[in-house]
Amino acid sequence: MNFASDNAGPVPAQVLEALARVNTGYAASYGGDDVTAEVADRVRDLFEAPGAAVYLVATGTAANALALATLCPPFGTIFCTQHAHIHEDECNAPEFYTGGAKLTLVPEGDMMTPATLRAAIEGEGNRGVHGPQRGPVSITNVTEGGNVYSVGEVAALCDVAQEFGLPVHLDGARLANACVKLGCTPAEMTWKIGVDIAVFGGTKNGLMDAEAVVIFDPDAPASSGYTRAQEFELRVKRAGHLYSKHRFVAAQFLAYLEDGLWRDLATRANARCETLAAGLEAMGVEIVNKTRANMLFFRAPLGVHDAVKAAGAVYHLMGNAPTSPKAVATGRLVCSWSTTEADVTSFLEAVKAAH
């Protein structure tokens, strides 16, 4: 009953088999191999973006921070929610890789609205040399609060960014889960509604260590004057994130894209989450996020959480947990592709016994 994180699960057999297949003979290094070239073509096909530039890195932190550094100069600011992953969980990596750009936090939780985003943009970039200059807008789907922006909601945020001439970055660590939840394609969630650079996450959806950065207009100028594609390549190398044996990260994505495995894995995770939600709601347990994909937050007395954990469940309590058994605490449950029906049933039985 491990619901701690979708980072904690195993790797699908198809991925391990793909790694074994490429582990023969010799291949060009640093991304010059045939497997990497094939993966780039397949990602372009998936996103319906034949002109896009595709790059693979090992971690979501690297993918987000390097993408944002490509879009934002050191004297700029990045607009994101107050609970964005790039703010709460990246150890200031975006600030580091941009060379000092700041984050302007858009208030009201883990989801922006066009109104709150517009207000934040209007509040910055109007003090001349004395203040940060307006930079990219960063949107996370699925959000850190487990919510899912609809395609229309992302489009509306992109429209606001475009009003101010600002590029848009999509943190898609769980983009597969969002697409499955909404029944949309990656293209419909990204460039077709105004996203300039998207991260297509693999690690949270079953891969070992692989994230794809998709730059939809690679010839657009970056903050330095290079093209976005040129600058991203240089930043990846300078940051130490260019694999020498690149075929092994590419092989993971080769399996991920084969026969829609990325979608199948996300579908499993989302389905287990919905079963969890239905079971908790049937018991009268409050669920905080209503637009979930594979992650939900629920509120229960601390004594219930303690009893469920004692029964073998693994998950996190959010914020400063209370000390009184009767005080209410919020728990986070994250389902992965490997979460089983038995895991869900056992968890719900433990909650019922303690509730």
Protein backbone atom coordinates (compact mmCIF):
# COMPACT_ATOMS: atom_id res chain seq x y z
CA MET A 1 0.00 0.00 0.00
CA ASN A 2 2.57 2.57 -1.09
CA PHE A 3 0.95 5.84 -2.10
CA ALA A 4 3.91 8.07 -1.23
CA SER A 5 4.82 9.10 -4.79
CA ASP A 6 4.70 7.97 -8.39
CA ASN A 7 8.50 8.33 -8.25
CA ALA A 8 8.63 5.38 -5.85
CA GLY A 9 7.30 2.67 -8.16
CA PRO A 10 9.16 0.18 -10.34
CA VAL A 11 10.01 0.41 -14.02
CA PRO A 12 7.80 -1.43 -16.55
CA ALA A 13 9.27 -4.52 -18.13
CA GLN A 14 9.02 -2.96 -21.59
CA VAL A 15 11.48 -0.26 -20.54
CA LEU A 16 14.00 -2.71 -19.11
CA GLU A 17 13.71 -4.80 -22.26
CA ALA A 18 14.38 -1.75 -24.42
CA LEU A 19 17.48 -0.96 -22.38
CA ALA A 20 18.71 -4.52 -22.86
CA ARG A 21 18.15 -4.32 -26.62
CA VAL A 22 20.36 -1.25 -27.03
CA ASN A 23 23.04 -2.67 -24.73
CA THR A 24 24.98 -4.29 -27.56
CA GLY A 25 27.88 -3.09 -29.64
CA TYR A 26 28.79 0.54 -30.12
CA ALA A 27 26.81 3.68 -30.85
CA ALA A 28 27.62 7.33 -31.34
CA SER A 29 27.81 9.27 -28.08
CA TYR A 30 26.15 12.44 -26.77
CA GLY A 31 22.89 11.93 -28.63
CA GLY A 32 24.35 11.16 -32.03
CA ASP A 33 22.94 7.63 -32.02
CA ASP A 34 20.10 6.25 -34.09
CA VAL A 35 17.89 5.51 -31.08
CA THR A 36 17.90 9.17 -30.03
CA ALA A 37 17.07 10.28 -33.55
CA GLU A 38 14.16 7.84 -33.71
CA VAL A 39 12.81 9.00 -30.35
CA ALA A 40 12.95 12.63 -31.44
CA ASP A 41 10.94 11.77 -34.54
CA ARG A 42 8.37 9.85 -32.50
CA VAL A 43 7.95 12.69 -30.01
CA ARG A 44 7.41 15.09 -32.92
CA ASP A 45 4.78 12.74 -34.30
CA LEU A 46 3.06 12.42 -30.93
CA PHE A 47 2.92 16.20 -30.51
CA GLU A 48 2.01 16.73 -34.18
CA ALA A 49 4.94 19.16 -34.36
CA PRO A 50 7.31 18.19 -37.18
CA GLY A 51 9.46 21.27 -36.67
CA ALA A 52 9.95 20.89 -32.92
CA ALA A 53 13.31 20.32 -31.28
CA VAL A 54 13.36 17.43 -28.78
CA TYR A 55 15.88 16.92 -25.99
CA LEU A 56 16.14 14.28 -23.27
CA VAL A 57 17.44 14.89 -19.77
CA ALA A 58 17.51 12.78 -16.63
CA THR A 59 15.36 14.73 -14.19
CA GLY A 60 12.34 16.98 -14.05
CA THR A 61 14.36 19.59 -12.21
CA ALA A 62 16.84 19.78 -15.08
CA ALA A 63 14.08 19.81 -17.68
CA ASN A 64 12.18 22.66 -16.03
CA ALA A 65 15.14 24.76 -14.96
CA LEU A 66 16.99 24.55 -18.28
CA ALA A 67 13.84 25.23 -20.27
CA LEU A 68 13.07 28.30 -18.17
CA ALA A 69 16.66 29.51 -18.41
CA THR A 70 16.31 29.37 -22.18
CA LEU A 71 13.25 31.64 -21.96
CA CYS A 72 14.26 34.00 -19.16
CA PRO A 73 17.26 36.34 -18.79
CA PRO A 74 18.89 36.83 -15.36
CA PHE A 75 17.15 40.18 -14.92
CA GLY A 76 13.71 38.69 -15.66
CA THR A 77 11.03 37.05 -13.56
CA ILE A 78 9.06 33.84 -14.06
CA PHE A 79 5.35 33.86 -13.25
CA CYS A 80 4.10 30.73 -11.48
CA THR A 81 1.68 29.75 -8.74
CA GLN A 82 2.67 29.93 -5.11
CA HIS A 83 2.58 26.13 -4.96
CA ALA A 84 4.37 25.43 -8.24
CA HIS A 85 6.97 22.67 -8.19
CA ILE A 86 9.58 25.11 -9.47
CA HIS A 87 8.97 27.22 -6.37
CA GLU A 88 8.48 24.65 -3.63
CA ASP A 89 10.55 21.66 -4.73
CA GLU A 90 13.43 22.68 -7.01
CA CYS A 91 15.88 24.11 -4.43
CA ASN A 92 16.02 27.38 -6.43
CA ALA A 93 17.20 25.56 -9.55
CA PRO A 94 15.36 27.94 -11.93
CA GLU A 95 16.97 30.92 -10.23
CA PHE A 96 20.37 29.21 -10.39
CA TYR A 97 20.23 28.17 -14.05
CA THR A 98 18.83 31.51 -15.21
CA GLY A 99 21.71 33.25 -13.46
CA GLY A 100 19.54 35.07 -10.96
CA ALA A 101 16.03 35.54 -12.36
CA LYS A 102 13.32 35.63 -9.69
CA LEU A 103 9.96 33.95 -9.39
CA THR A 104 6.83 36.08 -9.14
CA LEU A 105 4.21 34.02 -7.34
CA VAL A 106 0.63 34.20 -8.55
CA PRO A 107 -1.62 33.87 -5.49
CA GLU A 108 -4.62 31.69 -4.72
CA GLY A 109 -3.18 28.21 -4.37
CA ASP A 110 -1.97 25.78 -6.99
CA MET A 111 -4.01 27.08 -9.95
CA MET A 112 -3.80 30.42 -11.73
CA THR A 113 -6.73 32.18 -13.34
CA PRO A 114 -6.46 34.68 -16.19
CA ALA A 115 -7.34 37.44 -13.70
CA THR A 116 -4.72 36.51 -11.11
CA LEU A 117 -2.07 35.99 -13.78
CA ARG A 118 -2.83 39.33 -15.43
CA ALA A 119 -2.63 41.11 -12.08
CA ALA A 120 0.74 39.53 -11.33
CA ILE A 121 2.14 40.46 -14.74
CA GLU A 122 0.87 44.02 -14.47
CA GLY A 123 2.52 44.29 -11.06
CA GLU A 124 5.97 43.57 -12.48
CA GLY A 125 8.10 44.96 -15.29
CA ASN A 126 6.90 48.52 -14.82
CA ARG A 127 9.73 49.97 -12.73
CA GLY A 128 12.30 50.35 -15.46
CA VAL A 129 15.81 49.28 -14.48
CA HIS A 130 14.82 49.12 -10.82
CA GLY A 131 12.69 45.98 -11.02
CA PRO A 132 12.64 42.57 -12.67
CA GLN A 133 11.58 42.42 -16.28
CA ARG A 134 8.60 40.33 -17.29
CA GLY A 135 9.55 36.82 -18.29
CA PRO A 136 7.90 33.48 -19.06
CA VAL A 137 4.72 32.09 -17.56
CA SER A 138 5.13 28.60 -16.11
CA ILE A 139 2.04 26.38 -15.86
CA THR A 140 1.96 22.96 -14.18
CA ASN A 141 -0.49 20.30 -15.32
CA VAL A 142 -1.22 18.18 -13.21
CA THR A 143 -0.69 20.76 -10.45
CA GLU A 144 1.12 20.16 -7.17
CA GLY A 145 -2.28 20.21 -5.50
CA GLY A 146 -3.43 17.30 -7.65
CA ASN A 147 -5.75 19.43 -9.79
CA VAL A 148 -6.03 19.30 -13.57
CA TYR A 149 -6.35 22.40 -15.73
CA SER A 150 -8.74 21.89 -18.62
CA VAL A 151 -7.50 22.59 -22.14
CA GLY A 152 -9.59 25.77 -22.13
CA GLU A 153 -8.08 26.91 -18.85
CA VAL A 154 -4.53 26.47 -20.12
CA ALA A 155 -5.49 28.25 -23.36
CA ALA A 156 -6.88 31.20 -21.39
CA LEU A 157 -3.63 31.53 -19.44
CA CYS A 158 -1.62 31.35 -22.66
CA ASP A 159 -3.81 34.10 -24.10
CA VAL A 160 -2.91 36.38 -21.18
CA ALA A 161 0.78 35.63 -21.61
CA GLN A 162 0.55 36.43 -25.31
CA GLU A 163 -1.14 39.76 -24.56
CA PHE A 164 2.11 40.76 -22.86
CA GLY A 165 4.40 39.07 -25.38
CA LEU A 166 5.55 36.47 -22.86
CA PRO A 167 6.47 32.85 -23.65
CA VAL A 168 4.82 29.92 -21.86
CA HIS A 169 6.50 26.92 -20.27
CA LEU A 170 4.47 23.84 -19.34
CA ASP A 171 5.75 21.70 -16.49
CA GLY A 172 4.35 18.37 -17.66
CA ALA A 173 5.87 15.97 -15.16
CA ARG A 174 2.41 14.37 -15.14
CA LEU A 175 1.34 15.52 -18.60
CA ALA A 176 0.37 11.96 -19.53
CA ASN A 177 -2.02 11.80 -16.58
CA ALA A 178 -3.54 15.15 -17.52
CA CYS A 179 -4.09 14.10 -21.14
CA VAL A 180 -5.75 10.85 -20.08
CA LYS A 181 -7.96 12.67 -17.59
CA LEU A 182 -9.09 15.20 -20.19
CA GLY A 183 -9.21 12.86 -23.17
CA CYS A 184 -6.96 15.18 -25.16
CA THR A 185 -3.73 14.82 -27.12
CA PRO A 186 -0.36 16.27 -26.10
CA ALA A 187 -0.66 18.68 -29.03
CA GLU A 188 -4.02 19.93 -27.81
CA MET A 189 -2.54 20.56 -24.37
CA THR A 190 0.55 22.40 -25.61
CA TRP A 191 1.46 24.24 -28.82
CA LYS A 192 -2.06 24.29 -30.24
CA ILE A 193 -3.12 26.57 -27.38
CA GLY A 194 0.03 28.65 -27.05
CA VAL A 195 2.66 26.70 -25.08
CA ASP A 196 6.20 27.44 -26.29
CA ILE A 197 8.20 24.79 -24.42
CA ALA A 198 6.73 21.69 -22.78
CA VAL A 199 8.22 19.07 -20.54
CA PHE A 200 6.83 15.62 -21.38
CA GLY A 201 7.48 13.71 -18.17
CA GLY A 202 8.51 10.09 -18.12
CA THR A 203 9.91 9.41 -14.67
CA LYS A 204 6.68 9.83 -12.68
CA ASN A 205 4.90 7.65 -15.23
CA GLY A 206 7.20 4.65 -15.03
CA LEU A 207 10.53 5.49 -16.65
CA MET A 208 13.83 5.08 -14.84
CA ASP A 209 15.25 8.56 -15.38
CA ALA A 210 14.04 10.32 -18.52
CA GLU A 211 12.21 13.54 -19.34
CA ALA A 212 11.65 15.07 -22.77
CA VAL A 213 11.83 18.81 -23.41
CA VAL A 214 9.91 19.82 -26.52
CA ILE A 215 10.68 23.23 -28.02
CA PHE A 216 7.94 24.01 -30.49
CA ASP A 217 9.64 26.97 -32.19
CA PRO A 218 13.33 26.06 -32.01
CA ASP A 219 14.40 28.96 -34.23
CA ALA A 220 12.81 31.64 -32.03
CA PRO A 221 15.38 33.81 -30.28
CA ALA A 222 16.33 32.86 -26.74
CA SER A 223 17.14 35.38 -24.03
CA SER A 224 20.82 35.43 -25.09
CA GLY A 225 20.32 35.96 -28.81
CA TYR A 226 20.94 32.33 -29.75
CA THR A 227 17.97 30.37 -31.00
CA ARG A 228 16.05 28.50 -28.33
CA ALA A 229 17.33 25.16 -29.59
CA GLN A 230 20.95 26.34 -29.68
CA GLU A 231 20.76 27.81 -26.21
CA PHE A 232 19.08 24.77 -24.71
CA GLU A 233 21.79 22.49 -26.13
CA LEU A 234 24.53 24.69 -24.69
CA ARG A 235 22.84 24.94 -21.30
CA VAL A 236 22.36 21.16 -21.10
CA LYS A 237 26.05 20.58 -21.72
CA ARG A 238 27.21 23.37 -19.41
CA ALA A 239 24.98 22.08 -16.62
CA GLY A 240 26.38 18.56 -16.88
CA HIS A 241 23.13 17.04 -18.10
CA LEU A 242 24.25 15.75 -21.50
CA TYR A 243 24.43 11.96 -21.37
CA SER A 244 27.52 10.51 -22.99
CA LYS A 245 25.84 7.11 -23.47
CA HIS A 246 22.68 8.82 -24.62
CA ARG A 247 21.13 5.73 -26.20
CA PHE A 248 20.19 4.46 -22.73
CA VAL A 249 17.99 7.40 -21.84
CA ALA A 250 16.59 7.35 -25.38
CA ALA A 251 15.77 3.64 -25.13
CA GLN A 252 13.48 4.36 -22.21
CA PHE A 253 11.48 6.79 -24.32
CA LEU A 254 11.49 4.38 -27.24
CA ALA A 255 9.58 1.90 -25.06
CA TYR A 256 7.44 4.68 -23.56
CA LEU A 257 6.18 5.72 -26.98
CA GLU A 258 5.77 2.22 -28.41
CA ASP A 259 2.10 1.25 -28.83
CA GLY A 260 0.99 4.12 -26.59
CA LEU A 261 2.62 2.74 -23.42
CA TRP A 262 2.80 6.27 -21.96
CA ARG A 263 -0.98 6.53 -22.16
CA ASP A 264 -1.60 2.99 -20.86
CA LEU A 265 0.53 3.62 -17.77
CA ALA A 266 -1.20 6.90 -17.01
CA THR A 267 -4.61 5.31 -17.53
CA ARG A 268 -3.83 2.66 -14.92
CA ALA A 269 -2.67 5.24 -12.39
CA ASN A 270 -5.67 7.49 -12.94
CA ALA A 271 -8.11 4.58 -12.69
CA ARG A 272 -6.70 3.47 -9.34
CA CYS A 273 -6.98 7.04 -8.06
CA GLU A 274 -10.63 7.26 -9.07
CA THR A 275 -11.38 4.01 -7.28
CA LEU A 276 -9.68 5.39 -4.17
CA ALA A 277 -11.68 8.61 -4.41
CA ALA A 278 -14.99 6.80 -4.84
CA GLY A 279 -14.30 4.59 -1.85
CA LEU A 280 -13.29 7.47 0.40
CA GLU A 281 -16.25 9.59 -0.64
CA ALA A 282 -18.60 6.67 0.06
CA MET A 283 -17.30 6.72 3.64
CA GLY A 284 -17.87 10.46 3.94
CA VAL A 285 -14.17 11.32 3.84
CA GLU A 286 -13.45 14.81 2.53
CA ILE A 287 -11.36 15.00 -0.64
CA VAL A 288 -9.73 18.38 -1.17
CA ASN A 289 -8.97 18.34 -4.90
CA LYS A 290 -11.94 17.65 -7.16
CA THR A 291 -10.21 17.62 -10.56
CA ARG A 292 -7.70 14.88 -9.79
CA ALA A 293 -5.83 12.63 -12.18
CA ASN A 294 -3.58 10.21 -10.26
CA MET A 295 -3.21 12.18 -7.02
CA LEU A 296 -5.67 13.10 -4.30
CA PHE A 297 -5.60 14.91 -0.98
CA PHE A 298 -7.97 13.85 1.78
CA ARG A 299 -8.71 15.15 5.25
CA ALA A 300 -9.17 12.94 8.29
CA PRO A 301 -8.38 13.02 12.01
CA LEU A 302 -4.73 12.35 12.81
CA GLY A 303 -5.79 9.23 14.69
CA VAL A 304 -7.25 7.81 11.47
CA HIS A 305 -4.03 8.53 9.58
CA ASP A 306 -1.97 6.87 12.31
CA ALA A 307 -4.17 3.76 12.27
CA VAL A 308 -4.07 3.47 8.48
CA LYS A 309 -0.30 3.83 8.46
CA ALA A 310 -0.02 1.24 11.21
CA ALA A 311 -1.96 -1.10 8.91
CA GLY A 312 0.82 -0.73 6.33
CA ALA A 313 -0.12 2.27 4.20
CA VAL A 314 2.69 4.59 3.12
CA TYR A 315 1.84 8.19 2.26
CA HIS A 316 2.65 11.74 3.31
CA LEU A 317 0.84 14.18 5.58
CA MET A 318 0.97 17.72 4.26
CA GLY A 319 2.03 20.81 6.16
CA ASN A 320 2.58 20.84 9.91
CA ALA A 321 0.77 17.76 11.14
CA PRO A 322 -1.21 18.26 14.35
CA THR A 323 -0.40 16.35 17.52
CA SER A 324 -3.91 15.70 18.81
CA PRO A 325 -5.44 12.45 17.48
CA LYS A 326 -8.75 14.24 16.92
CA ALA A 327 -7.25 17.15 14.98
CA VAL A 328 -7.73 16.96 11.22
CA ALA A 329 -4.72 16.45 8.94
CA THR A 330 -4.41 16.32 5.16
CA GLY A 331 -2.93 13.24 3.54
CA ARG A 332 -1.64 12.92 -0.02
CA LEU A 333 -2.19 9.75 -2.00
CA VAL A 334 -0.39 9.27 -5.31
CA CYS A 335 -1.16 6.31 -7.56
CA SER A 336 1.37 5.03 -10.06
CA TRP A 337 1.10 2.67 -13.01
CA SER A 338 2.02 -0.16 -10.64
CA THR A 339 -0.63 0.54 -7.99
CA THR A 340 -2.83 -2.56 -7.82
CA GLU A 341 -6.50 -3.05 -7.11
CA ALA A 342 -5.43 -4.98 -4.02
CA ASP A 343 -3.48 -1.94 -2.79
CA VAL A 344 -6.56 0.23 -3.15
CA THR A 345 -8.87 -2.31 -1.51
CA SER A 346 -6.53 -2.78 1.44
CA PHE A 347 -6.20 0.97 1.92
CA LEU A 348 -9.94 1.53 1.89
CA GLU A 349 -10.48 -1.31 4.34
CA ALA A 350 -7.90 0.23 6.68
CA VAL A 351 -9.63 3.62 6.49
CA LYS A 352 -13.03 2.04 7.12
CA ALA A 353 -11.71 0.22 10.18
CA ALA A 354 -10.21 3.41 11.60
CA HIS A 355 -12.86 5.91 10.53
